[in-house]
C-alpha atoms as a PDB file:
ATOM      1  CA  MET A   1      12.227  -3.892   7.571  1.00  0.00           C
ATOM      2  CA  ALA A   2      13.412  -7.465   8.103  1.00  0.00           C
ATOM      3  CA  LEU A   3      16.552  -6.240   9.876  1.00  0.00           C
ATOM      4  CA  ALA A   4      14.585  -3.840  12.068  1.00  0.00           C
ATOM      5  CA  ALA A   5      12.058  -6.556  12.904  1.00  0.00           C
ATOM      6  CA  ALA A   6      14.863  -8.995  13.798  1.00  0.00           C
ATOM      7  CA  VAL A   7      16.446  -6.504  16.196  1.00  0.00           C
ATOM      8  CA  PHE A   8      13.058  -5.756  17.769  1.00  0.00           C
ATOM      9  CA  LEU A   9      12.139  -9.422  18.204  1.00  0.00           C
ATOM     10  CA  ALA A  10      15.566 -10.273  19.626  1.00  0.00           C
ATOM     11  CA  THR A  11      15.625  -7.321  22.025  1.00  0.00           C
ATOM     12  CA  SER A  12      12.079  -7.948  23.261  1.00  0.00           C
ATOM     13  CA  GLY A  13      12.670 -11.705  23.611  1.00  0.00           C
ATOM     14  CA  ALA A  14       9.545 -12.376  21.569  1.00  0.00           C
ATOM     15  CA  PHE A  15       7.873 -15.792  21.529  1.00  0.00           C
ATOM     16  CA  ASP A  16       9.751 -17.133  24.579  1.00  0.00           C
ATOM     17  CA  SER A  17      13.193 -16.485  23.084  1.00  0.00           C
ATOM     18  CA  GLY A  18      14.185 -14.177  25.931  1.00  0.00           C
ATOM     19  CA  GLY A  19      15.818 -16.947  27.939  1.00  0.00           C
ATOM     20  CA  ALA A  20      18.698 -17.288  25.471  1.00  0.00           C
ATOM     21  CA  PRO A  21      21.789 -15.010  25.475  1.00  0.00           C
ATOM     22  CA  TYR A  22      21.289 -11.898  23.389  1.00  0.00           C
ATOM     23  CA  LEU A  23      23.811 -12.512  20.579  1.00  0.00           C
ATOM     24  CA  PRO A  24      22.616 -16.050  19.752  1.00  0.00           C
ATOM     25  CA  ARG A  25      19.070 -14.753  19.996  1.00  0.00           C
ATOM     26  CA  LEU A  26      19.877 -11.916  17.588  1.00  0.00           C
ATOM     27  CA  ALA A  27      21.558 -14.321  15.157  1.00  0.00           C
ATOM     28  CA  TYR A  28      18.498 -16.590  15.321  1.00  0.00           C
ATOM     29  CA  TRP A  29      16.093 -13.786  14.436  1.00  0.00           C
ATOM     30  CA  LEU A  30      18.338 -12.210  11.792  1.00  0.00           C
ATOM     31  CA  ILE A  31      18.644 -15.458   9.836  1.00  0.00           C
ATOM     32  CA  LEU A  32      14.939 -16.183  10.252  1.00  0.00           C
ATOM     33  CA  MET A  33      13.674 -12.724   9.272  1.00  0.00           C
ATOM     34  CA  ILE A  34      16.009 -12.244   6.308  1.00  0.00           C
ATOM     35  CA  GLY A  35      15.226 -15.727   4.984  1.00  0.00           C
ATOM     36  CA  GLY A  36      11.538 -15.144   5.571  1.00  0.00           C
ATOM     37  CA  SER A  37      11.618 -11.814   3.761  1.00  0.00           C
ATOM     38  CA  LEU A  38      13.259 -13.413   0.732  1.00  0.00           C
ATOM     39  CA  LEU A  39      10.628 -16.160   0.642  1.00  0.00           C
ATOM     40  CA  GLY A  40       7.864 -13.646   1.270  1.00  0.00           C
ATOM     41  CA  GLY A  41       9.087 -11.357  -1.484  1.00  0.00           C
ATOM     42  CA  THR A  42       9.094 -14.249  -3.946  1.00  0.00           C
ATOM     43  CA  ILE A  43       5.558 -15.287  -2.997  1.00  0.00           C
ATOM     44  CA  ALA A  44       4.239 -11.702  -3.049  1.00  0.00           C
ATOM     45  CA  GLY A  45       5.849 -10.992  -6.413  1.00  0.00           C
ATOM     46  CA  THR A  46       4.292 -14.135  -7.883  1.00  0.00           C
ATOM     47  CA  VAL A  47       0.813 -13.255  -6.594  1.00  0.00           C
ATOM     48  CA  GLN A  48       1.069  -9.615  -7.707  1.00  0.00           C
ATOM     49  CA  ALA A  49       2.202 -10.630 -11.199  1.00  0.00           C
ATOM     50  CA  ARG A  50      -0.996 -12.659 -11.642  1.00  0.00           C
ATOM     51  CA  GLU A  51      -3.173  -9.611 -10.841  1.00  0.00           C
ATOM     52  CA  TRP A  52      -5.868 -11.886  -9.433  1.00  0.00           C
ATOM     53  CA  PHE A  53      -7.280  -9.338  -7.011  1.00  0.00           C
ATOM     54  CA  GLY A  54      -7.223  -6.096  -9.001  1.00  0.00           C
ATOM     55  CA  PRO A  55      -7.478  -3.045  -6.720  1.00  0.00           C
ATOM     56  CA  ARG A  56      -8.413  -5.159  -3.654  1.00  0.00           C
ATOM     57  CA  LEU A  57      -4.970  -4.966  -2.112  1.00  0.00           C
ATOM     58  CA  TRP A  58      -6.250  -5.941   1.336  1.00  0.00           C
ATOM     59  CA  LEU A  59      -7.436  -9.290  -0.024  1.00  0.00           C
ATOM     60  CA  GLU A  60      -4.173  -9.789  -1.894  1.00  0.00           C
ATOM     61  CA  ALA A  61      -2.242  -9.072   1.323  1.00  0.00           C
ATOM     62  CA  VAL A  62      -4.311 -11.629   3.268  1.00  0.00           C
ATOM     63  CA  VAL A  63      -3.671 -14.312   0.640  1.00  0.00           C
ATOM     64  CA  VAL A  64       0.046 -13.499   0.551  1.00  0.00           C
ATOM     65  CA  ALA A  65       0.282 -13.722   4.361  1.00  0.00           C
ATOM     66  CA  VAL A  66      -1.427 -17.133   4.339  1.00  0.00           C
ATOM     67  CA  LEU A  67       0.795 -18.427   1.534  1.00  0.00           C
ATOM     68  CA  ILE A  68       3.874 -17.289   3.446  1.00  0.00           C
ATOM     69  CA  THR A  69       2.686 -18.828   6.714  1.00  0.00           C
ATOM     70  CA  VAL A  70       2.282 -22.347   5.302  1.00  0.00           C
ATOM     71  CA  PRO A  71       5.899 -23.034   4.208  1.00  0.00           C
ATOM     72  CA  MET A  72       7.419 -20.756   6.853  1.00  0.00           C
ATOM     73  CA  THR A  73       5.837 -22.778   9.650  1.00  0.00           C
ATOM     74  CA  GLY A  74       7.732 -25.866   8.528  1.00  0.00           C
ATOM     75  CA  ILE A  75      10.924 -23.907   7.963  1.00  0.00           C
ATOM     76  CA  VAL A  76      10.780 -22.226  11.381  1.00  0.00           C
ATOM     77  CA  TRP A  77       9.991 -25.534  13.102  1.00  0.00           C
ATOM     78  CA  ILE A  78      12.986 -27.317  11.594  1.00  0.00           C
ATOM     79  CA  TYR A  79      15.302 -24.315  11.940  1.00  0.00           C
ATOM     80  CA  SER A  80      14.362 -23.670  15.578  1.00  0.00           C
ATOM     81  CA  GLU A  81      14.767 -27.267  16.615  1.00  0.00           C
ATOM     82  CA  LEU A  82      18.221 -27.474  15.033  1.00  0.00           C
ATOM     83  CA  PHE A  83      19.391 -23.978  16.057  1.00  0.00           C
ATOM     84  CA  TRP A  84      18.587 -24.408  19.743  1.00  0.00           C
ATOM     85  CA  GLY A  85      20.073 -27.901  19.844  1.00  0.00           C
ATOM     86  CA  ALA A  86      16.882 -29.788  20.584  1.00  0.00           C
ATOM     87  CA  GLY A  87      17.965 -32.640  18.341  1.00  0.00           C
ATOM     88  CA  PRO A  88      15.999 -33.943  15.368  1.00  0.00           C
ATOM     89  CA  PRO A  89      12.810 -31.928  14.744  1.00  0.00           C
ATOM     90  CA  ARG A  90       9.954 -33.217  16.903  1.00  0.00           C
ATOM     91  CA  PRO A  91       6.643 -33.495  15.001  1.00  0.00           C
ATOM     92  CA  ALA A  92       4.710 -33.031  18.244  1.00  0.00           C
ATOM     93  CA  VAL A  93       5.852 -29.398  18.600  1.00  0.00           C
ATOM     94  CA  LEU A  94       5.109 -28.383  14.989  1.00  0.00           C
ATOM     95  CA  PRO A  95       1.587 -27.039  15.792  1.00  0.00           C
ATOM     96  CA  LEU A  96       3.122 -24.696  18.386  1.00  0.00           C
ATOM     97  CA  PHE A  97       4.826 -22.744  15.592  1.00  0.00           C
ATOM     98  CA  VAL A  98       1.708 -22.030  13.516  1.00  0.00           C
ATOM     99  CA  LEU A  99       0.368 -19.044  15.486  1.00  0.00           C
ATOM    100  CA  PRO A 100       3.705 -17.234  16.036  1.00  0.00           C
ATOM    101  CA  VAL A 101       4.636 -17.634  12.360  1.00  0.00           C
ATOM    102  CA  ALA A 102       1.175 -16.433  11.275  1.00  0.00           C
ATOM    103  CA  VAL A 103       1.438 -13.338  13.507  1.00  0.00           C
ATOM    104  CA  VAL A 104       4.892 -12.362  12.229  1.00  0.00           C
ATOM    105  CA  SER A 105       3.954 -13.107   8.593  1.00  0.00           C
ATOM    106  CA  ALA A 106       0.789 -10.998   8.845  1.00  0.00           C
ATOM    107  CA  ALA A 107       2.634  -8.092  10.488  1.00  0.00           C
ATOM    108  CA  MET A 108       5.473  -8.083   7.947  1.00  0.00           C
ATOM    109  CA  THR A 109       3.087  -8.418   5.009  1.00  0.00           C
ATOM    110  CA  ALA A 110       0.922  -5.567   6.283  1.00  0.00           C
ATOM    111  CA  MET A 111       3.926  -3.270   6.766  1.00  0.00           C
ATOM    112  CA  THR A 112       5.287  -4.142   3.319  1.00  0.00           C
ATOM    113  CA  TYR A 113       1.990  -3.368   1.605  1.00  0.00           C
ATOM    114  CA  LEU A 114       1.578  -0.112   3.516  1.00  0.00           C
ATOM    115  CA  VAL A 115       5.094   1.062   2.687  1.00  0.00           C
ATOM    116  CA  SER A 116       4.880   0.107  -0.982  1.00  0.00           C
ATOM    117  CA  ARG A 117       1.258   1.103  -1.544  1.00  0.00           C
ATOM    118  CA  ARG A 118       0.675   3.207  -4.642  1.00  0.00           C
ATOM    119  CA  PRO A 119      -2.286   5.471  -5.326  1.00  0.00           C
ATOM    120  CA  ASP A 120      -4.783   4.712  -8.060  1.00  0.00           C
ATOM    121  CA  GLU A 121      -3.444   6.529 -11.127  1.00  0.00           C
ATOM    122  CA  THR A 122      -4.939   7.672 -14.418  1.00  0.00           C
ATOM    123  CA  HIS A 123      -2.908   8.336 -17.540  1.00  0.00           C
ATOM    124  CA  ALA A 124      -2.942  10.896 -20.315  1.00  0.00           C
ATOM    125  CA  ALA A 125      -4.684   9.768 -23.499  1.00  0.00           C
ATOM    126  CA  PRO A 126      -2.758   9.628 -26.784  1.00  0.00           C
ATOM    127  CA  ALA A 127      -3.293  12.397 -29.338  1.00  0.00           C
ATOM    128  CA  GLY A 128      -6.602  12.081 -31.145  1.00  0.00           C
ATOM    129  CA  ALA A 129      -8.204   9.874 -28.505  1.00  0.00           C
ATOM    130  CA  PRO A 130     -11.779  10.664 -27.436  1.00  0.00           C
ATOM    131  CA  PRO A 131     -12.214  12.603 -24.192  1.00  0.00           C
ATOM    132  CA  PRO A 132     -12.439  10.613 -20.953  1.00  0.00           C
ATOM    133  CA  ARG A 133     -15.871   9.173 -20.182  1.00  0.00           C
ATOM    134  CA  PHE A 134     -16.041  11.259 -17.035  1.00  0.00           C
ATOM    135  CA  HIS A 135     -16.497  14.431 -19.115  1.00  0.00           C
ATOM    136  CA  GLU A 136     -19.982  13.217 -20.008  1.00  0.00           C
ATOM    137  CA  ARG A 137     -20.935  13.460 -16.341  1.00  0.00           C
ATOM    138  CA  LEU A 138     -20.091  17.138 -15.979  1.00  0.00           C
ATOM    139  CA  PRO A 139     -23.114  19.307 -15.138  1.00  0.00           C
ATOM    140  CA  LEU A 140     -24.244  21.706 -17.876  1.00  0.00           C
ATOM    141  CA  LYS A 141     -22.506  24.723 -16.330  1.00  0.00           C
ATOM    142  CA  LEU A 142     -19.177  22.833 -16.273  1.00  0.00           C
ATOM    143  CA  LYS A 143     -19.320  21.372 -19.798  1.00  0.00           C
ATOM    144  CA  GLY A 144     -15.991  21.790 -21.575  1.00  0.00           C
ATOM    145  CA  ALA A 145     -14.158  22.713 -18.377  1.00  0.00           C
ATOM    146  CA  GLU A 146     -10.719  21.464 -17.425  1.00  0.00           C
ATOM    147  CA  ILE A 147     -10.997  19.112 -14.467  1.00  0.00           C
ATOM    148  CA  TYR A 148      -8.640  20.035 -11.635  1.00  0.00           C
ATOM    149  CA  ALA A 149      -9.738  17.649  -8.900  1.00  0.00           C
ATOM    150  CA  VAL A 150     -12.532  15.403  -7.680  1.00  0.00           C
ATOM    151  CA  GLU A 151     -13.314  15.407  -3.965  1.00  0.00           C
ATOM    152  CA  ALA A 152     -15.571  12.928  -2.166  1.00  0.00           C
ATOM    153  CA  GLU A 153     -18.256  14.461   0.055  1.00  0.00           C
ATOM    154  CA  ASP A 154     -20.413  11.744   1.625  1.00  0.00           C
ATOM    155  CA  HIS A 155     -22.158  10.030  -1.307  1.00  0.00           C
ATOM    156  CA  TYR A 156     -21.382  12.914  -3.660  1.00  0.00           C
ATOM    157  CA  LEU A 157     -18.341  14.152  -5.545  1.00  0.00           C
ATOM    158  CA  ARG A 158     -17.382  17.801  -5.654  1.00  0.00           C
ATOM    159  CA  LEU A 159     -15.837  18.655  -9.014  1.00  0.00           C
ATOM    160  CA  HIS A 160     -13.159  21.354  -9.008  1.00  0.00           C
ATOM    161  CA  THR A 161     -12.779  22.720 -12.533  1.00  0.00           C
ATOM    162  CA  SER A 162     -11.704  25.756 -14.539  1.00  0.00           C
ATOM    163  CA  ARG A 163     -15.371  26.852 -14.590  1.00  0.00           C
ATOM    164  CA  GLY A 164     -16.053  26.511 -10.898  1.00  0.00           C
ATOM    165  CA  SER A 165     -17.300  23.587  -8.819  1.00  0.00           C
ATOM    166  CA  ASP A 166     -20.424  21.488  -8.517  1.00  0.00           C
ATOM    167  CA  LEU A 167     -21.656  18.230  -6.999  1.00  0.00           C
ATOM    168  CA  ILE A 168     -22.618  14.985  -8.699  1.00  0.00           C
ATOM    169  CA  LEU A 169     -23.836  11.697  -7.230  1.00  0.00           C
ATOM    170  CA  MET A 170     -21.094   9.116  -7.788  1.00  0.00           C
ATOM    171  CA  ARG A 171     -18.463   7.063  -5.973  1.00  0.00           C
ATOM    172  CA  LEU A 172     -14.864   8.270  -6.157  1.00  0.00           C
ATOM    173  CA  SER A 173     -13.572   4.810  -7.126  1.00  0.00           C
ATOM    174  CA  ASP A 174     -15.924   4.762 -10.130  1.00  0.00           C
ATOM    175  CA  ALA A 175     -14.920   8.292 -11.087  1.00  0.00           C
ATOM    176  CA  VAL A 176     -11.221   7.371 -11.111  1.00  0.00           C
ATOM    177  CA  VAL A 177     -11.935   4.600 -13.605  1.00  0.00           C
ATOM    178  CA  GLU A 178     -13.764   7.015 -15.915  1.00  0.00           C
ATOM    179  CA  LEU A 179     -11.040   9.667 -15.565  1.00  0.00           C
ATOM    180  CA  GLU A 180      -8.602   7.458 -17.485  1.00  0.00           C
ATOM    181  CA  GLY A 181      -7.318   9.738 -20.230  1.00  0.00           C
ATOM    182  CA  VAL A 182      -6.370  12.545 -17.817  1.00  0.00           C
ATOM    183  CA  GLU A 183      -3.015  12.263 -16.051  1.00  0.00           C
ATOM    184  CA  GLY A 184      -3.743  12.246 -12.360  1.00  0.00           C
ATOM    185  CA  ALA A 185      -3.835  10.186  -9.176  1.00  0.00           C
ATOM    186  CA  ARG A 186      -5.532   9.670  -5.849  1.00  0.00           C
ATOM    187  CA  THR A 187      -3.676  11.858  -3.381  1.00  0.00           C
ATOM    188  CA  HIS A 188      -5.900  10.971  -0.449  1.00  0.00           C
ATOM    189  CA  ARG A 189      -8.725   8.519   0.195  1.00  0.00           C
ATOM    190  CA  SER A 190     -11.156  11.359  -0.611  1.00  0.00           C
ATOM    191  CA  TRP A 191      -9.291  13.105  -3.454  1.00  0.00           C
ATOM    192  CA  TRP A 192      -8.235  12.556  -7.067  1.00  0.00           C
ATOM    193  CA  VAL A 193      -6.109  15.366  -8.564  1.00  0.00           C
ATOM    194  CA  ALA A 194      -5.068  16.105 -12.143  1.00  0.00           C
ATOM    195  CA  LYS A 195      -1.296  16.461 -12.296  1.00  0.00           C
ATOM    196  CA  ASP A 196      -1.403  19.454 -14.687  1.00  0.00           C
ATOM    197  CA  ALA A 197      -3.668  21.307 -12.241  1.00  0.00           C
ATOM    198  CA  VAL A 198      -1.006  21.436  -9.504  1.00  0.00           C
ATOM    199  CA  THR A 199       0.754  24.794  -9.237  1.00  0.00           C
ATOM    200  CA  SER A 200       2.650  24.298  -5.977  1.00  0.00           C
ATOM    201  CA  ALA A 201       3.104  22.025  -2.987  1.00  0.00           C
ATOM    202  CA  SER A 202       3.705  22.771   0.667  1.00  0.00           C
ATOM    203  CA  ARG A 203       4.244  20.857   3.876  1.00  0.00           C
ATOM    204  CA  GLY A 204       2.759  21.595   7.254  1.00  0.00           C
ATOM    205  CA  GLU A 205       2.245  19.547  10.419  1.00  0.00           C
ATOM    206  CA  GLY A 206       3.901  16.582   8.732  1.00  0.00           C
ATOM    207  CA  ARG A 207       1.575  16.505   5.720  1.00  0.00           C
ATOM    208  CA  ALA A 208       1.843  17.722   2.155  1.00  0.00           C
ATOM    209  CA  THR A 209      -0.764  19.893   0.462  1.00  0.00           C
ATOM    210  CA  LEU A 210      -1.133  20.537  -3.266  1.00  0.00           C
ATOM    211  CA  THR A 211      -2.387  23.935  -4.427  1.00  0.00           C
ATOM    212  CA  LEU A 212      -4.369  23.824  -7.672  1.00  0.00           C
ATOM    213  CA  LYS A 213      -4.892  26.416 -10.403  1.00  0.00           C
ATOM    214  CA  ASP A 214      -8.098  27.695  -8.813  1.00  0.00           C
ATOM    215  CA  GLY A 215      -6.539  27.988  -5.360  1.00  0.00           C
ATOM    216  CA  THR A 216      -8.060  24.763  -4.057  1.00  0.00           C
ATOM    217  CA  GLU A 217      -5.811  22.938  -1.603  1.00  0.00           C
ATOM    218  CA  ALA A 218      -5.803  19.154  -1.972  1.00  0.00           C
ATOM    219  CA  PRO A 219      -4.354  17.034   0.860  1.00  0.00           C
ATOM    220  CA  VAL A 220      -1.764  14.313   0.320  1.00  0.00           C
ATOM    221  CA  SER A 221      -2.059  11.386   2.709  1.00  0.00           C
ATOM    222  CA  ARG A 222       1.043   9.847   4.252  1.00  0.00           C
ATOM    223  CA  THR A 223       0.063   6.585   2.568  1.00  0.00           C
ATOM    224  CA  PHE A 224       0.576   8.038  -0.924  1.00  0.00           C
ATOM    225  CA  ALA A 225       3.169  10.726  -0.233  1.00  0.00           C
ATOM    226  CA  LYS A 226       6.279   8.702  -1.120  1.00  0.00           C
ATOM    227  CA  ALA A 227       4.830   7.342  -4.378  1.00  0.00           C
ATOM    228  CA  LEU A 228       3.676  10.798  -5.494  1.00  0.00           C
ATOM    229  CA  ARG A 229       7.041  12.320  -4.568  1.00  0.00           C
ATOM    230  CA  ASP A 230       8.819   9.653  -6.617  1.00  0.00           C
ATOM    231  CA  GLU A 231       6.547  10.514  -9.569  1.00  0.00           C
ATOM    232  CA  GLY A 232       7.594  14.179  -9.371  1.00  0.00           C
ATOM    233  CA  TRP A 233       4.347  15.631  -8.029  1.00  0.00           C
ATOM    234  CA  PHE A 234       6.257  17.638  -5.421  1.00  0.00           C
END
């Protein structure tokens, strides 16, 4: 992504760099974007390892972008002044670099988080473990059923099970927490699917669809498709 961004920024002459010859301009952006991506990756990895923000990835991404912007502004200021032969870095022009660096840092951070985003997953319980808490929420007619999928419908959840379907009042994010003990994952912002319930997968109009044991078709969003494919879902 850093290489692609460098080529784009050089070709478009972004941030008033269009007046320079193309090859020096390309070299300028390549060095800047690759160096920035290395610094950004270090900062993001440090923040992610702390797990300060839990599932609130948007907040984590904002903090990472800010933390990248602060040192990168100084780096870009010094690098730009020296690269373009302006002489020793001029403190007076430092504020001019804050907004451009913030814009590029935010864009690169957002793209990185979108590309690497993983769905919320639940994991199979070890042998002898009690059933997942979510089983206690099953309506009477579904008691003891195998859960195939949970689908959000407004403020309700539609439960797809081996004994049919029914609605309960609950948020999908809360349900995913209580489904820990069943191997599954969010496949879409409105769907959680049990991995053992998937019988086949198909693609149409650029999107994947999972067919479950009861014939239900669960969508797979583009956001989660790569992660689920890597996990062997389809």
